[in-house]
Amino acid sequence: MPQPLYTFFDEYDLSGKTIIPFNSHNGSRFSGTIETIAELEPDAEVIEDGFTVNERDVPDAAGDIADWLEGLGY
């Protein structure tokens, strides 16, 4: 997880909030990020079915993103 996110989670209390992870990557997918967020924000609901897409596929990911959001109820 990028260092700025550690700082963000350190500075903000997201207790009672829902955290919906998403990212682009170069092969690492989430690489433990969802579990790390859950540890840093134990009183928040962290959605485990986050969306991740390889950086090469981002230009064609709009449909996949829309489907993922619809599945989450958005």
C-alpha atoms as a PDB file:
ATOM      1  CA  MET A   1       0.000   0.000   0.000  1.00  0.00           C
ATOM      2  CA  PRO A   2       1.420   3.433  -0.845  1.00  0.00           C
ATOM      3  CA  GLN A   3       2.760   5.389   2.126  1.00  0.00           C
ATOM      4  CA  PRO A   4       0.275   8.280   1.676  1.00  0.00           C
ATOM      5  CA  LEU A   5      -2.562   5.855   2.429  1.00  0.00           C
ATOM      6  CA  TYR A   6      -0.972   4.888   5.745  1.00  0.00           C
ATOM      7  CA  THR A   7      -0.858   8.596   6.592  1.00  0.00           C
ATOM      8  CA  PHE A   8      -4.478   9.049   5.518  1.00  0.00           C
ATOM      9  CA  PHE A   9      -5.698   6.172   7.687  1.00  0.00           C
ATOM     10  CA  ASP A  10      -3.579   7.427  10.583  1.00  0.00           C
ATOM     11  CA  GLU A  11      -5.063  10.915  10.400  1.00  0.00           C
ATOM     12  CA  TYR A  12      -8.733  10.036   9.830  1.00  0.00           C
ATOM     13  CA  ASP A  13     -11.046   7.910  11.953  1.00  0.00           C
ATOM     14  CA  LEU A  14     -13.325   5.982   9.634  1.00  0.00           C
ATOM     15  CA  SER A  15     -15.206   4.169  12.402  1.00  0.00           C
ATOM     16  CA  GLY A  16     -18.707   3.286  11.259  1.00  0.00           C
ATOM     17  CA  LYS A  17     -17.868   4.055   7.633  1.00  0.00           C
ATOM     18  CA  THR A  18     -17.726   1.683   4.680  1.00  0.00           C
ATOM     19  CA  ILE A  19     -14.430   1.534   2.804  1.00  0.00           C
ATOM     20  CA  ILE A  20     -14.636   0.268  -0.775  1.00  0.00           C
ATOM     21  CA  PRO A  21     -11.125  -0.451  -2.084  1.00  0.00           C
ATOM     22  CA  PHE A  22     -10.241  -0.065  -5.758  1.00  0.00           C
ATOM     23  CA  ASN A  23      -6.960   0.311  -7.598  1.00  0.00           C
ATOM     24  CA  SER A  24      -4.953  -0.114 -10.742  1.00  0.00           C
ATOM     25  CA  HIS A  25      -1.793  -2.192 -10.615  1.00  0.00           C
ATOM     26  CA  ASN A  26       1.145  -3.492 -12.596  1.00  0.00           C
ATOM     27  CA  GLY A  27       0.707  -7.121 -11.608  1.00  0.00           C
ATOM     28  CA  SER A  28       0.415  -7.011  -7.819  1.00  0.00           C
ATOM     29  CA  ARG A  29      -3.383  -6.725  -7.608  1.00  0.00           C
ATOM     30  CA  PHE A  30      -4.249  -5.764  -3.991  1.00  0.00           C
ATOM     31  CA  SER A  31      -1.200  -7.456  -2.505  1.00  0.00           C
ATOM     32  CA  GLY A  32      -2.613  -7.530   1.041  1.00  0.00           C
ATOM     33  CA  THR A  33      -3.950  -3.963   0.929  1.00  0.00           C
ATOM     34  CA  ILE A  34      -7.510  -4.882   1.907  1.00  0.00           C
ATOM     35  CA  GLU A  35      -6.292  -6.763   4.980  1.00  0.00           C
ATOM     36  CA  THR A  36      -4.008  -3.860   5.904  1.00  0.00           C
ATOM     37  CA  ILE A  37      -6.878  -1.367   5.644  1.00  0.00           C
ATOM     38  CA  ALA A  38      -9.030  -3.615   7.855  1.00  0.00           C
ATOM     39  CA  GLU A  39      -6.239  -3.685  10.460  1.00  0.00           C
ATOM     40  CA  LEU A  40      -5.782   0.099  10.342  1.00  0.00           C
ATOM     41  CA  GLU A  41      -9.523   0.805  10.500  1.00  0.00           C
ATOM     42  CA  PRO A  42     -10.917  -1.981  12.723  1.00  0.00           C
ATOM     43  CA  ASP A  43     -14.200  -0.157  13.381  1.00  0.00           C
ATOM     44  CA  ALA A  44     -14.966   0.402   9.690  1.00  0.00           C
ATOM     45  CA  GLU A  45     -16.583  -2.013   7.271  1.00  0.00           C
ATOM     46  CA  VAL A  46     -14.012  -2.864   4.587  1.00  0.00           C
ATOM     47  CA  ILE A  47     -15.520  -4.370   1.440  1.00  0.00           C
ATOM     48  CA  GLU A  48     -13.410  -7.405   0.568  1.00  0.00           C
ATOM     49  CA  ASP A  49     -14.611  -7.547  -3.038  1.00  0.00           C
ATOM     50  CA  GLY A  50     -12.660  -4.508  -4.158  1.00  0.00           C
ATOM     51  CA  PHE A  51     -12.049  -3.695  -7.800  1.00  0.00           C
ATOM     52  CA  THR A  52      -8.580  -4.017  -9.238  1.00  0.00           C
ATOM     53  CA  VAL A  53      -7.437  -3.673 -12.830  1.00  0.00           C
ATOM     54  CA  ASN A  54      -4.073  -3.991 -14.501  1.00  0.00           C
ATOM     55  CA  GLU A  55      -2.767  -0.601 -15.619  1.00  0.00           C
ATOM     56  CA  ARG A  56      -2.689  -1.807 -19.245  1.00  0.00           C
ATOM     57  CA  ASP A  57      -6.408  -2.587 -19.118  1.00  0.00           C
ATOM     58  CA  VAL A  58      -7.605   0.697 -17.610  1.00  0.00           C
ATOM     59  CA  PRO A  59      -8.702   2.226 -20.952  1.00  0.00           C
ATOM     60  CA  ASP A  60     -11.097  -0.695 -21.504  1.00  0.00           C
ATOM     61  CA  ALA A  61     -12.298  -1.132 -17.914  1.00  0.00           C
ATOM     62  CA  ALA A  62     -15.354   1.147 -17.884  1.00  0.00           C
ATOM     63  CA  GLY A  63     -17.810  -1.706 -18.362  1.00  0.00           C
ATOM     64  CA  ASP A  64     -16.153  -3.845 -15.693  1.00  0.00           C
ATOM     65  CA  ILE A  65     -16.184  -0.917 -13.270  1.00  0.00           C
ATOM     66  CA  ALA A  66     -19.861  -0.244 -13.960  1.00  0.00           C
ATOM     67  CA  ASP A  67     -20.701  -3.924 -13.386  1.00  0.00           C
ATOM     68  CA  TRP A  68     -18.716  -3.951 -10.123  1.00  0.00           C
ATOM     69  CA  LEU A  69     -20.444  -0.803  -8.866  1.00  0.00           C
ATOM     70  CA  GLU A  70     -23.847  -2.182  -9.824  1.00  0.00           C
ATOM     71  CA  GLY A  71     -23.051  -5.351  -7.894  1.00  0.00           C
ATOM     72  CA  LEU A  72     -22.328  -3.181  -4.863  1.00  0.00           C
ATOM     73  CA  GLY A  73     -25.658  -1.423  -5.298  1.00  0.00           C
ATOM     74  CA  TYR A  74     -24.385   1.854  -6.800  1.00  0.00           C
END
